[in-house]
Amino acid sequence: MSWTLCTSGAAIFKSGIHVNSDLKVSGAILAKWSDEAEGRIEGETGVKWVDNINNVDTGIKNLLSDICSSIIAKQMVAFDTTGYLSSESDNLLNINDDIENKGLKRLEKLNRKKLKAPEN
């Protein structure tokens, strides 16, 4: 399931230049956070995005990527805020939280029947 909705690079970029450098190379932690973010998005929207990603419109894929990478970036920032400058971590958390919340609201407004994969 890991890295279906976004890339690790996108999450790292959104976590800022002062993110704990151990996280940039820790594939296991990032993959776990990727799985959790993808599960959260599916749980919030009630749509199996990961299983049906090939049937999702490109624009919606980009929205999913934006949401997913922001969720992971928030985990990265919150993991260790000591390397950030004054209020930098708060700003990154707030920006990524805003992206996540607005993105999830957009997904909730969509007609889910149009986004689900055809049933067999």
C-alpha atoms as a PDB file:
ATOM      1  CA  MET A   1       0.000   0.000   0.000  1.00  0.00           C
ATOM      2  CA  SER A   2       2.884   2.404   0.708  1.00  0.00           C
ATOM      3  CA  TRP A   3       3.405   5.297  -1.681  1.00  0.00           C
ATOM      4  CA  THR A   4       0.349   4.733  -3.852  1.00  0.00           C
ATOM      5  CA  LEU A   5      -1.128   8.190  -3.348  1.00  0.00           C
ATOM      6  CA  CYS A   6       2.063  10.268  -3.064  1.00  0.00           C
ATOM      7  CA  THR A   7       5.843  10.099  -3.133  1.00  0.00           C
ATOM      8  CA  SER A   8       8.243  10.256  -0.219  1.00  0.00           C
ATOM      9  CA  GLY A   9       9.943  13.190  -1.921  1.00  0.00           C
ATOM     10  CA  ALA A  10       6.753  15.244  -1.809  1.00  0.00           C
ATOM     11  CA  ALA A  11       6.322  14.560   1.902  1.00  0.00           C
ATOM     12  CA  ILE A  12       9.950  15.394   2.658  1.00  0.00           C
ATOM     13  CA  PHE A  13       9.696  18.631   0.666  1.00  0.00           C
ATOM     14  CA  LYS A  14       6.596  19.704   2.603  1.00  0.00           C
ATOM     15  CA  SER A  15       8.297  19.003   5.942  1.00  0.00           C
ATOM     16  CA  GLY A  16      10.778  21.833   5.365  1.00  0.00           C
ATOM     17  CA  ILE A  17      14.546  22.056   5.129  1.00  0.00           C
ATOM     18  CA  HIS A  18      15.090  21.691   8.861  1.00  0.00           C
ATOM     19  CA  VAL A  19      13.335  18.338   9.227  1.00  0.00           C
ATOM     20  CA  ASN A  20      15.210  15.715  11.237  1.00  0.00           C
ATOM     21  CA  SER A  21      17.699  14.262   8.744  1.00  0.00           C
ATOM     22  CA  ASP A  22      17.225  10.723  10.109  1.00  0.00           C
ATOM     23  CA  LEU A  23      13.669  10.773   8.784  1.00  0.00           C
ATOM     24  CA  LYS A  24      14.820  11.538   5.235  1.00  0.00           C
ATOM     25  CA  VAL A  25      16.606   8.199   5.066  1.00  0.00           C
ATOM     26  CA  SER A  26      14.328   6.086   7.236  1.00  0.00           C
ATOM     27  CA  GLY A  27      12.288   4.212   4.678  1.00  0.00           C
ATOM     28  CA  ALA A  28      10.520   2.104   7.299  1.00  0.00           C
ATOM     29  CA  ILE A  29       9.113   5.041   9.263  1.00  0.00           C
ATOM     30  CA  LEU A  30       8.107   6.930   6.135  1.00  0.00           C
ATOM     31  CA  ALA A  31       6.444   3.834   4.641  1.00  0.00           C
ATOM     32  CA  LYS A  32       4.478   3.308   7.868  1.00  0.00           C
ATOM     33  CA  TRP A  33       3.334   6.927   7.834  1.00  0.00           C
ATOM     34  CA  SER A  34       2.422   6.554   4.160  1.00  0.00           C
ATOM     35  CA  ASP A  35       0.233   3.542   4.949  1.00  0.00           C
ATOM     36  CA  GLU A  36      -1.412   5.412   7.812  1.00  0.00           C
ATOM     37  CA  ALA A  37      -2.051   8.507   5.687  1.00  0.00           C
ATOM     38  CA  GLU A  38      -3.561   6.448   2.875  1.00  0.00           C
ATOM     39  CA  GLY A  39      -5.751   4.613   5.386  1.00  0.00           C
ATOM     40  CA  ARG A  40      -6.847   7.894   6.939  1.00  0.00           C
ATOM     41  CA  ILE A  41      -7.864   9.304   3.558  1.00  0.00           C
ATOM     42  CA  GLU A  42      -9.825   6.163   2.710  1.00  0.00           C
ATOM     43  CA  GLY A  43     -11.455   6.152   6.145  1.00  0.00           C
ATOM     44  CA  GLU A  44     -12.439   9.804   5.933  1.00  0.00           C
ATOM     45  CA  THR A  45     -13.860   9.591   2.421  1.00  0.00           C
ATOM     46  CA  GLY A  46     -15.218   6.038   2.395  1.00  0.00           C
ATOM     47  CA  VAL A  47     -13.577   5.377  -0.981  1.00  0.00           C
ATOM     48  CA  LYS A  48     -10.957   2.714  -1.695  1.00  0.00           C
ATOM     49  CA  TRP A  49      -8.590   5.068  -3.509  1.00  0.00           C
ATOM     50  CA  VAL A  50      -5.509   2.858  -3.184  1.00  0.00           C
ATOM     51  CA  ASP A  51      -7.107  -0.258  -4.676  1.00  0.00           C
ATOM     52  CA  ASN A  52      -8.675   1.703  -7.520  1.00  0.00           C
ATOM     53  CA  ILE A  53      -6.055   4.363  -8.221  1.00  0.00           C
ATOM     54  CA  ASN A  54      -5.791   3.401 -11.903  1.00  0.00           C
ATOM     55  CA  ASN A  55      -9.443   4.362 -12.394  1.00  0.00           C
ATOM     56  CA  VAL A  56      -9.115   7.797 -10.761  1.00  0.00           C
ATOM     57  CA  ASP A  57      -8.993  11.005 -12.798  1.00  0.00           C
ATOM     58  CA  THR A  58      -5.584  12.717 -12.918  1.00  0.00           C
ATOM     59  CA  GLY A  59      -6.876  15.830 -11.167  1.00  0.00           C
ATOM     60  CA  ILE A  60      -8.204  13.784  -8.276  1.00  0.00           C
ATOM     61  CA  LYS A  61      -4.907  11.851  -8.116  1.00  0.00           C
ATOM     62  CA  ASN A  62      -3.129  15.180  -7.679  1.00  0.00           C
ATOM     63  CA  LEU A  63      -5.529  16.175  -4.906  1.00  0.00           C
ATOM     64  CA  LEU A  64      -4.977  12.825  -3.173  1.00  0.00           C
ATOM     65  CA  SER A  65      -1.220  13.273  -3.463  1.00  0.00           C
ATOM     66  CA  ASP A  66      -1.408  16.757  -1.976  1.00  0.00           C
ATOM     67  CA  ILE A  67      -3.463  15.540   0.987  1.00  0.00           C
ATOM     68  CA  CYS A  68      -1.372  12.420   1.588  1.00  0.00           C
ATOM     69  CA  SER A  69       1.995  14.182   1.437  1.00  0.00           C
ATOM     70  CA  SER A  70       0.727  16.855   3.849  1.00  0.00           C
ATOM     71  CA  ILE A  71      -0.390  14.245   6.368  1.00  0.00           C
ATOM     72  CA  ILE A  72       3.032  12.581   6.239  1.00  0.00           C
ATOM     73  CA  ALA A  73       4.844  15.932   6.417  1.00  0.00           C
ATOM     74  CA  LYS A  74       2.947  16.783   9.603  1.00  0.00           C
ATOM     75  CA  GLN A  75       4.159  13.503  11.131  1.00  0.00           C
ATOM     76  CA  MET A  76       7.724  14.337  10.123  1.00  0.00           C
ATOM     77  CA  VAL A  77       7.597  17.834  11.593  1.00  0.00           C
ATOM     78  CA  ALA A  78       5.939  16.726  14.821  1.00  0.00           C
ATOM     79  CA  PHE A  79       8.445  13.871  15.266  1.00  0.00           C
ATOM     80  CA  ASP A  80      11.233  16.293  16.175  1.00  0.00           C
ATOM     81  CA  THR A  81      10.753  20.054  16.170  1.00  0.00           C
ATOM     82  CA  THR A  82      14.159  20.908  17.663  1.00  0.00           C
ATOM     83  CA  GLY A  83      15.856  21.653  14.322  1.00  0.00           C
ATOM     84  CA  TYR A  84      13.318  24.220  13.190  1.00  0.00           C
ATOM     85  CA  LEU A  85      13.669  27.959  13.577  1.00  0.00           C
ATOM     86  CA  SER A  86      11.297  29.919  15.810  1.00  0.00           C
ATOM     87  CA  SER A  87       7.663  29.198  14.835  1.00  0.00           C
ATOM     88  CA  GLU A  88       8.814  27.419  11.640  1.00  0.00           C
ATOM     89  CA  SER A  89       7.445  24.062  12.771  1.00  0.00           C
ATOM     90  CA  ASP A  90       4.123  25.655  13.766  1.00  0.00           C
ATOM     91  CA  ASN A  91       3.831  27.287  10.342  1.00  0.00           C
ATOM     92  CA  LEU A  92       4.590  24.017   8.540  1.00  0.00           C
ATOM     93  CA  LEU A  93       2.084  22.127  10.682  1.00  0.00           C
ATOM     94  CA  ASN A  94      -0.601  24.762  10.065  1.00  0.00           C
ATOM     95  CA  ILE A  95      -0.009  24.921   6.308  1.00  0.00           C
ATOM     96  CA  ASN A  96      -0.084  21.142   5.911  1.00  0.00           C
ATOM     97  CA  ASP A  97      -3.109  20.834   8.192  1.00  0.00           C
ATOM     98  CA  ASP A  98      -4.943  23.370   6.040  1.00  0.00           C
ATOM     99  CA  ILE A  99      -4.065  21.442   2.863  1.00  0.00           C
ATOM    100  CA  GLU A 100      -5.272  18.198   4.436  1.00  0.00           C
ATOM    101  CA  ASN A 101      -8.550  19.571   5.793  1.00  0.00           C
ATOM    102  CA  LYS A 102      -9.519  21.514   2.672  1.00  0.00           C
ATOM    103  CA  GLY A 103      -8.566  18.595   0.441  1.00  0.00           C
ATOM    104  CA  LEU A 104     -10.643  16.127   2.431  1.00  0.00           C
ATOM    105  CA  LYS A 105     -13.620  18.501   2.275  1.00  0.00           C
ATOM    106  CA  ARG A 106     -13.240  18.690  -1.512  1.00  0.00           C
ATOM    107  CA  LEU A 107     -13.190  14.909  -1.777  1.00  0.00           C
ATOM    108  CA  GLU A 108     -16.290  14.641   0.407  1.00  0.00           C
ATOM    109  CA  LYS A 109     -18.161  16.975  -1.949  1.00  0.00           C
ATOM    110  CA  LEU A 110     -17.451  14.854  -5.008  1.00  0.00           C
ATOM    111  CA  ASN A 111     -19.937  12.352  -6.298  1.00  0.00           C
ATOM    112  CA  ARG A 112     -18.356   9.171  -4.980  1.00  0.00           C
ATOM    113  CA  LYS A 113     -20.122   6.962  -7.497  1.00  0.00           C
ATOM    114  CA  LYS A 114     -18.175   8.595 -10.304  1.00  0.00           C
ATOM    115  CA  LEU A 115     -14.871   7.953  -8.540  1.00  0.00           C
ATOM    116  CA  LYS A 116     -15.238   4.332  -7.473  1.00  0.00           C
ATOM    117  CA  ALA A 117     -13.996   1.584  -9.716  1.00  0.00           C
ATOM    118  CA  PRO A 118     -16.708  -0.233 -11.670  1.00  0.00           C
ATOM    119  CA  GLU A 119     -18.070  -3.242  -9.834  1.00  0.00           C
ATOM    120  CA  ASN A 120     -17.464  -6.663 -11.339  1.00  0.00           C
END
